[in-house]
């Protein structure tokens, strides 16, 4: 069962005295932020606060561990009484955020370099195909004003390469490499 938006609105209302608190939906559940730090998870309408020494000291005997989801690190499971006391809840989130390290700065994305695949380039493939057809006796047409290369291949402004030849019936056909 996913966390309801009503629960999130209630928690954000309880923490409204604390600047920079917000919730972000993640995989049907929510992460609770204080500034840029994730201080808690809200899963299945329960609040799981990250464990810190000051947070444990503040909660004292009421401390209970829980797991937000299978495989998650242990967190402080905040009971209903704690949720209803907005001052205590605000203090818990404040001391937890203060005790957590700042998030690591995100690395700037670098443009990905295309890896060489060992495949021939488009220009090389077109040249190879033209040469193979020539070896079979195909004669490529050269048109005046088309600025074709020595193989009879013209490069269009779009980058496409085109070569023309006639079939046995005299029809003009083209070989195009996009």
C-alpha atoms as a PDB file:
ATOM      1  CA  UNK A   1       0.000   0.000   0.000  1.00  0.00           C
ATOM      2  CA  UNK A   2       1.528   3.331  -1.054  1.00  0.00           C
ATOM      3  CA  UNK A   3       1.626   6.376   1.167  1.00  0.00           C
ATOM      4  CA  UNK A   4      -1.377   8.667   0.786  1.00  0.00           C
ATOM      5  CA  UNK A   5      -1.026  12.319  -0.117  1.00  0.00           C
ATOM      6  CA  UNK A   6      -3.070  13.081   3.007  1.00  0.00           C
ATOM      7  CA  UNK A   7      -0.247  11.713   5.158  1.00  0.00           C
ATOM      8  CA  UNK A   8       2.312  13.838   3.321  1.00  0.00           C
ATOM      9  CA  UNK A   9       0.188  16.988   3.657  1.00  0.00           C
ATOM     10  CA  UNK A  10      -0.207  16.262   7.390  1.00  0.00           C
ATOM     11  CA  UNK A  11       3.558  15.800   7.881  1.00  0.00           C
ATOM     12  CA  UNK A  12       4.416  18.929   5.916  1.00  0.00           C
ATOM     13  CA  UNK A  13       1.839  20.876   7.930  1.00  0.00           C
ATOM     14  CA  UNK A  14       3.338  19.554  11.193  1.00  0.00           C
ATOM     15  CA  UNK A  15       6.807  20.626   9.991  1.00  0.00           C
ATOM     16  CA  UNK A  16       5.759  23.985   8.526  1.00  0.00           C
ATOM     17  CA  UNK A  17       7.789  25.902  11.168  1.00  0.00           C
ATOM     18  CA  UNK A  18      10.962  24.350   9.769  1.00  0.00           C
ATOM     19  CA  UNK A  19      12.205  26.142   6.622  1.00  0.00           C
ATOM     20  CA  UNK A  20      13.180  24.065   3.606  1.00  0.00           C
ATOM     21  CA  UNK A  21      11.126  20.958   4.405  1.00  0.00           C
ATOM     22  CA  UNK A  22       9.607  19.271   1.384  1.00  0.00           C
ATOM     23  CA  UNK A  23       8.569  15.821   0.216  1.00  0.00           C
ATOM     24  CA  UNK A  24       9.443  14.197  -3.065  1.00  0.00           C
ATOM     25  CA  UNK A  25       7.585  11.213  -4.463  1.00  0.00           C
ATOM     26  CA  UNK A  26       9.823   8.266  -5.233  1.00  0.00           C
ATOM     27  CA  UNK A  27       8.604   4.844  -6.392  1.00  0.00           C
ATOM     28  CA  UNK A  28       5.152   5.361  -4.898  1.00  0.00           C
ATOM     29  CA  UNK A  29       6.553   6.446  -1.535  1.00  0.00           C
ATOM     30  CA  UNK A  30       8.187   9.692  -0.396  1.00  0.00           C
ATOM     31  CA  UNK A  31      11.534  11.102   0.685  1.00  0.00           C
ATOM     32  CA  UNK A  32      11.385  13.928   3.231  1.00  0.00           C
ATOM     33  CA  UNK A  33      13.986  16.652   2.692  1.00  0.00           C
ATOM     34  CA  UNK A  34      15.247  19.348   5.004  1.00  0.00           C
ATOM     35  CA  UNK A  35      17.141  21.688   2.739  1.00  0.00           C
ATOM     36  CA  UNK A  36      19.039  19.421   0.360  1.00  0.00           C
ATOM     37  CA  UNK A  37      19.356  16.546   2.844  1.00  0.00           C
ATOM     38  CA  UNK A  38      17.111  13.496   2.854  1.00  0.00           C
ATOM     39  CA  UNK A  39      16.203  13.181   6.532  1.00  0.00           C
ATOM     40  CA  UNK A  40      13.437  10.586   6.383  1.00  0.00           C
ATOM     41  CA  UNK A  41      11.370   8.275   4.233  1.00  0.00           C
ATOM     42  CA  UNK A  42       7.606   7.998   4.367  1.00  0.00           C
ATOM     43  CA  UNK A  43       6.546   4.486   3.409  1.00  0.00           C
ATOM     44  CA  UNK A  44       3.110   2.958   3.818  1.00  0.00           C
ATOM     45  CA  UNK A  45       2.003   6.045   5.779  1.00  0.00           C
ATOM     46  CA  UNK A  46       4.796   5.610   8.366  1.00  0.00           C
ATOM     47  CA  UNK A  47       7.679   7.999   9.048  1.00  0.00           C
ATOM     48  CA  UNK A  48      11.187   6.500   9.071  1.00  0.00           C
ATOM     49  CA  UNK A  49      13.786   9.084  10.185  1.00  0.00           C
ATOM     50  CA  UNK A  50      17.477   8.516   9.537  1.00  0.00           C
ATOM     51  CA  UNK A  51      19.300   7.421  12.672  1.00  0.00           C
ATOM     52  CA  UNK A  52      21.687   9.992  14.170  1.00  0.00           C
ATOM     53  CA  UNK A  53      23.205  10.239  17.646  1.00  0.00           C
ATOM     54  CA  UNK A  54      21.410  13.532  18.439  1.00  0.00           C
ATOM     55  CA  UNK A  55      18.129  12.123  17.099  1.00  0.00           C
ATOM     56  CA  UNK A  56      18.402   8.985  19.255  1.00  0.00           C
ATOM     57  CA  UNK A  57      19.220  11.113  22.303  1.00  0.00           C
ATOM     58  CA  UNK A  58      16.205  13.332  21.674  1.00  0.00           C
ATOM     59  CA  UNK A  59      13.782  10.430  21.260  1.00  0.00           C
ATOM     60  CA  UNK A  60      15.202   8.555  24.267  1.00  0.00           C
ATOM     61  CA  UNK A  61      13.000   5.704  25.521  1.00  0.00           C
ATOM     62  CA  UNK A  62      10.551   6.181  22.680  1.00  0.00           C
ATOM     63  CA  UNK A  63      13.228   5.054  20.209  1.00  0.00           C
ATOM     64  CA  UNK A  64      12.124   2.220  17.940  1.00  0.00           C
ATOM     65  CA  UNK A  65      13.848   0.902  14.835  1.00  0.00           C
ATOM     66  CA  UNK A  66      12.087   0.012  11.650  1.00  0.00           C
ATOM     67  CA  UNK A  67      12.830  -0.605   7.988  1.00  0.00           C
ATOM     68  CA  UNK A  68      11.178   1.584   5.367  1.00  0.00           C
ATOM     69  CA  UNK A  69      11.301  -1.221   2.788  1.00  0.00           C
ATOM     70  CA  UNK A  70      12.962  -4.640   2.436  1.00  0.00           C
ATOM     71  CA  UNK A  71      16.719  -4.223   2.233  1.00  0.00           C
ATOM     72  CA  UNK A  72      16.690  -0.657   3.607  1.00  0.00           C
ATOM     73  CA  UNK A  73      18.971   0.530   6.379  1.00  0.00           C
ATOM     74  CA  UNK A  74      17.427   0.681   9.830  1.00  0.00           C
ATOM     75  CA  UNK A  75      15.657   3.949  10.637  1.00  0.00           C
ATOM     76  CA  UNK A  76      13.856   5.443  13.614  1.00  0.00           C
ATOM     77  CA  UNK A  77      10.207   4.535  13.282  1.00  0.00           C
ATOM     78  CA  UNK A  78       8.277   7.542  14.542  1.00  0.00           C
ATOM     79  CA  UNK A  79       5.110   6.615  16.425  1.00  0.00           C
ATOM     80  CA  UNK A  80       1.718   8.288  16.128  1.00  0.00           C
ATOM     81  CA  UNK A  81       2.208  10.242  19.395  1.00  0.00           C
ATOM     82  CA  UNK A  82       5.404  11.780  18.003  1.00  0.00           C
ATOM     83  CA  UNK A  83       3.687  12.708  14.750  1.00  0.00           C
ATOM     84  CA  UNK A  84       0.923  14.560  16.576  1.00  0.00           C
ATOM     85  CA  UNK A  85       3.390  16.680  18.574  1.00  0.00           C
ATOM     86  CA  UNK A  86       4.561  19.151  15.912  1.00  0.00           C
ATOM     87  CA  UNK A  87       7.178  20.772  18.185  1.00  0.00           C
ATOM     88  CA  UNK A  88       8.824  17.456  19.043  1.00  0.00           C
ATOM     89  CA  UNK A  89       8.651  16.293  15.408  1.00  0.00           C
ATOM     90  CA  UNK A  90      10.113  19.599  14.154  1.00  0.00           C
ATOM     91  CA  UNK A  91      12.961  19.336  16.663  1.00  0.00           C
ATOM     92  CA  UNK A  92      13.687  15.737  15.644  1.00  0.00           C
ATOM     93  CA  UNK A  93      13.873  16.648  11.960  1.00  0.00           C
ATOM     94  CA  UNK A  94      15.984  19.755  12.733  1.00  0.00           C
ATOM     95  CA  UNK A  95      18.597  17.854  14.838  1.00  0.00           C
ATOM     96  CA  UNK A  96      18.666  14.977  12.337  1.00  0.00           C
ATOM     97  CA  UNK A  97      19.326  17.361   9.440  1.00  0.00           C
ATOM     98  CA  UNK A  98      22.049  19.152  11.421  1.00  0.00           C
ATOM     99  CA  UNK A  99      23.784  15.839  12.192  1.00  0.00           C
ATOM    100  CA  UNK A 100      23.707  14.502   8.627  1.00  0.00           C
ATOM    101  CA  UNK A 101      26.542  15.327   6.224  1.00  0.00           C
ATOM    102  CA  UNK A 102      25.836  17.597   3.292  1.00  0.00           C
ATOM    103  CA  UNK A 103      25.014  15.722   0.110  1.00  0.00           C
ATOM    104  CA  UNK A 104      27.895  15.180  -2.272  1.00  0.00           C
ATOM    105  CA  UNK A 105      27.877  17.671  -5.137  1.00  0.00           C
ATOM    106  CA  UNK A 106      26.586  16.171  -8.328  1.00  0.00           C
ATOM    107  CA  UNK A 107      29.175  15.711 -11.026  1.00  0.00           C
ATOM    108  CA  UNK A 108      28.695  17.778 -14.132  1.00  0.00           C
ATOM    109  CA  UNK A 109      27.555  15.649 -16.998  1.00  0.00           C
ATOM    110  CA  UNK A 110      30.168  15.287 -19.673  1.00  0.00           C
ATOM    111  CA  UNK A 111      29.165  14.645 -23.237  1.00  0.00           C
ATOM    112  CA  UNK A 112      29.465  10.981 -24.035  1.00  0.00           C
ATOM    113  CA  UNK A 113      32.095  10.120 -26.570  1.00  0.00           C
ATOM    114  CA  UNK A 114      30.962   7.694 -29.185  1.00  0.00           C
ATOM    115  CA  UNK A 115      32.919   4.493 -28.972  1.00  0.00           C
ATOM    116  CA  UNK A 116      34.388   3.073 -32.113  1.00  0.00           C
ATOM    117  CA  UNK A 117      32.501  -0.083 -32.879  1.00  0.00           C
ATOM    118  CA  UNK A 118      34.842  -1.404 -35.498  1.00  0.00           C
ATOM    119  CA  UNK A 119      32.149  -0.790 -38.098  1.00  0.00           C
ATOM    120  CA  UNK A 120      32.944   1.143 -41.217  1.00  0.00           C
ATOM    121  CA  UNK A 121      31.821   4.753 -41.425  1.00  0.00           C
ATOM    122  CA  UNK A 122      28.880   5.653 -43.647  1.00  0.00           C
ATOM    123  CA  UNK A 123      31.215   7.200 -46.218  1.00  0.00           C
ATOM    124  CA  UNK A 124      33.377   4.072 -46.243  1.00  0.00           C
ATOM    125  CA  UNK A 125      30.344   1.755 -46.550  1.00  0.00           C
ATOM    126  CA  UNK A 126      28.953   3.772 -49.482  1.00  0.00           C
ATOM    127  CA  UNK A 127      32.337   3.688 -51.204  1.00  0.00           C
ATOM    128  CA  UNK A 128      32.595  -0.078 -50.622  1.00  0.00           C
ATOM    129  CA  UNK A 129      29.117  -0.711 -52.027  1.00  0.00           C
ATOM    130  CA  UNK A 130      29.800   1.447 -55.057  1.00  0.00           C
ATOM    131  CA  UNK A 131      33.093  -0.414 -55.645  1.00  0.00           C
ATOM    132  CA  UNK A 132      31.344  -3.795 -55.286  1.00  0.00           C
ATOM    133  CA  UNK A 133      28.687  -2.827 -57.844  1.00  0.00           C
ATOM    134  CA  UNK A 134      31.355  -1.440 -60.196  1.00  0.00           C
ATOM    135  CA  UNK A 135      33.202  -4.775 -59.958  1.00  0.00           C
ATOM    136  CA  UNK A 136      29.977  -6.439 -61.181  1.00  0.00           C
ATOM    137  CA  UNK A 137      29.885  -4.192 -64.208  1.00  0.00           C
ATOM    138  CA  UNK A 138      27.556  -1.457 -62.997  1.00  0.00           C
ATOM    139  CA  UNK A 139      28.326   1.973 -64.476  1.00  0.00           C
ATOM    140  CA  UNK A 140      27.440   4.950 -62.288  1.00  0.00           C
ATOM    141  CA  UNK A 141      25.987   8.060 -63.858  1.00  0.00           C
ATOM    142  CA  UNK A 142      27.719  11.420 -63.551  1.00  0.00           C
ATOM    143  CA  UNK A 143      25.497  14.474 -63.911  1.00  0.00           C
ATOM    144  CA  UNK A 144      26.827  17.899 -64.706  1.00  0.00           C
ATOM    145  CA  UNK A 145      26.484  20.424 -61.875  1.00  0.00           C
ATOM    146  CA  UNK A 146      26.049  17.737 -59.186  1.00  0.00           C
ATOM    147  CA  UNK A 147      29.572  17.986 -57.718  1.00  0.00           C
ATOM    148  CA  UNK A 148      29.977  14.205 -57.491  1.00  0.00           C
ATOM    149  CA  UNK A 149      33.238  12.612 -56.321  1.00  0.00           C
ATOM    150  CA  UNK A 150      35.454  10.322 -58.451  1.00  0.00           C
ATOM    151  CA  UNK A 151      33.163   7.327 -57.760  1.00  0.00           C
ATOM    152  CA  UNK A 152      30.084   9.269 -58.890  1.00  0.00           C
ATOM    153  CA  UNK A 153      28.774   9.768 -55.330  1.00  0.00           C
ATOM    154  CA  UNK A 154      27.061  13.069 -54.480  1.00  0.00           C
ATOM    155  CA  UNK A 155      26.714  14.270 -50.895  1.00  0.00           C
ATOM    156  CA  UNK A 156      23.434  16.052 -50.194  1.00  0.00           C
ATOM    157  CA  UNK A 157      23.260  19.018 -47.790  1.00  0.00           C
ATOM    158  CA  UNK A 158      21.579  16.651 -45.274  1.00  0.00           C
ATOM    159  CA  UNK A 159      24.681  14.431 -45.319  1.00  0.00           C
ATOM    160  CA  UNK A 160      23.067  11.642 -47.360  1.00  0.00           C
ATOM    161  CA  UNK A 161      25.273  10.106 -50.050  1.00  0.00           C
ATOM    162  CA  UNK A 162      23.688   9.219 -53.388  1.00  0.00           C
ATOM    163  CA  UNK A 163      24.992   7.395 -56.459  1.00  0.00           C
ATOM    164  CA  UNK A 164      22.926   6.808 -59.620  1.00  0.00           C
ATOM    165  CA  UNK A 165      23.086   3.950 -62.123  1.00  0.00           C
ATOM    166  CA  UNK A 166      20.916   2.478 -64.891  1.00  0.00           C
ATOM    167  CA  UNK A 167      19.302  -0.938 -64.745  1.00  0.00           C
ATOM    168  CA  UNK A 168      19.335  -3.226 -67.834  1.00  0.00           C
ATOM    169  CA  UNK A 169      16.101  -1.616 -69.076  1.00  0.00           C
ATOM    170  CA  UNK A 170      17.612   1.902 -68.916  1.00  0.00           C
ATOM    171  CA  UNK A 171      15.783   3.048 -65.787  1.00  0.00           C
ATOM    172  CA  UNK A 172      17.844   5.338 -63.520  1.00  0.00           C
ATOM    173  CA  UNK A 173      18.099   3.950 -59.986  1.00  0.00           C
ATOM    174  CA  UNK A 174      19.910   5.337 -56.957  1.00  0.00           C
ATOM    175  CA  UNK A 175      21.919   3.923 -54.104  1.00  0.00           C
ATOM    176  CA  UNK A 176      21.406   6.136 -51.036  1.00  0.00           C
ATOM    177  CA  UNK A 177      23.263   6.069 -47.735  1.00  0.00           C
ATOM    178  CA  UNK A 178      21.512   8.184 -45.052  1.00  0.00           C
END
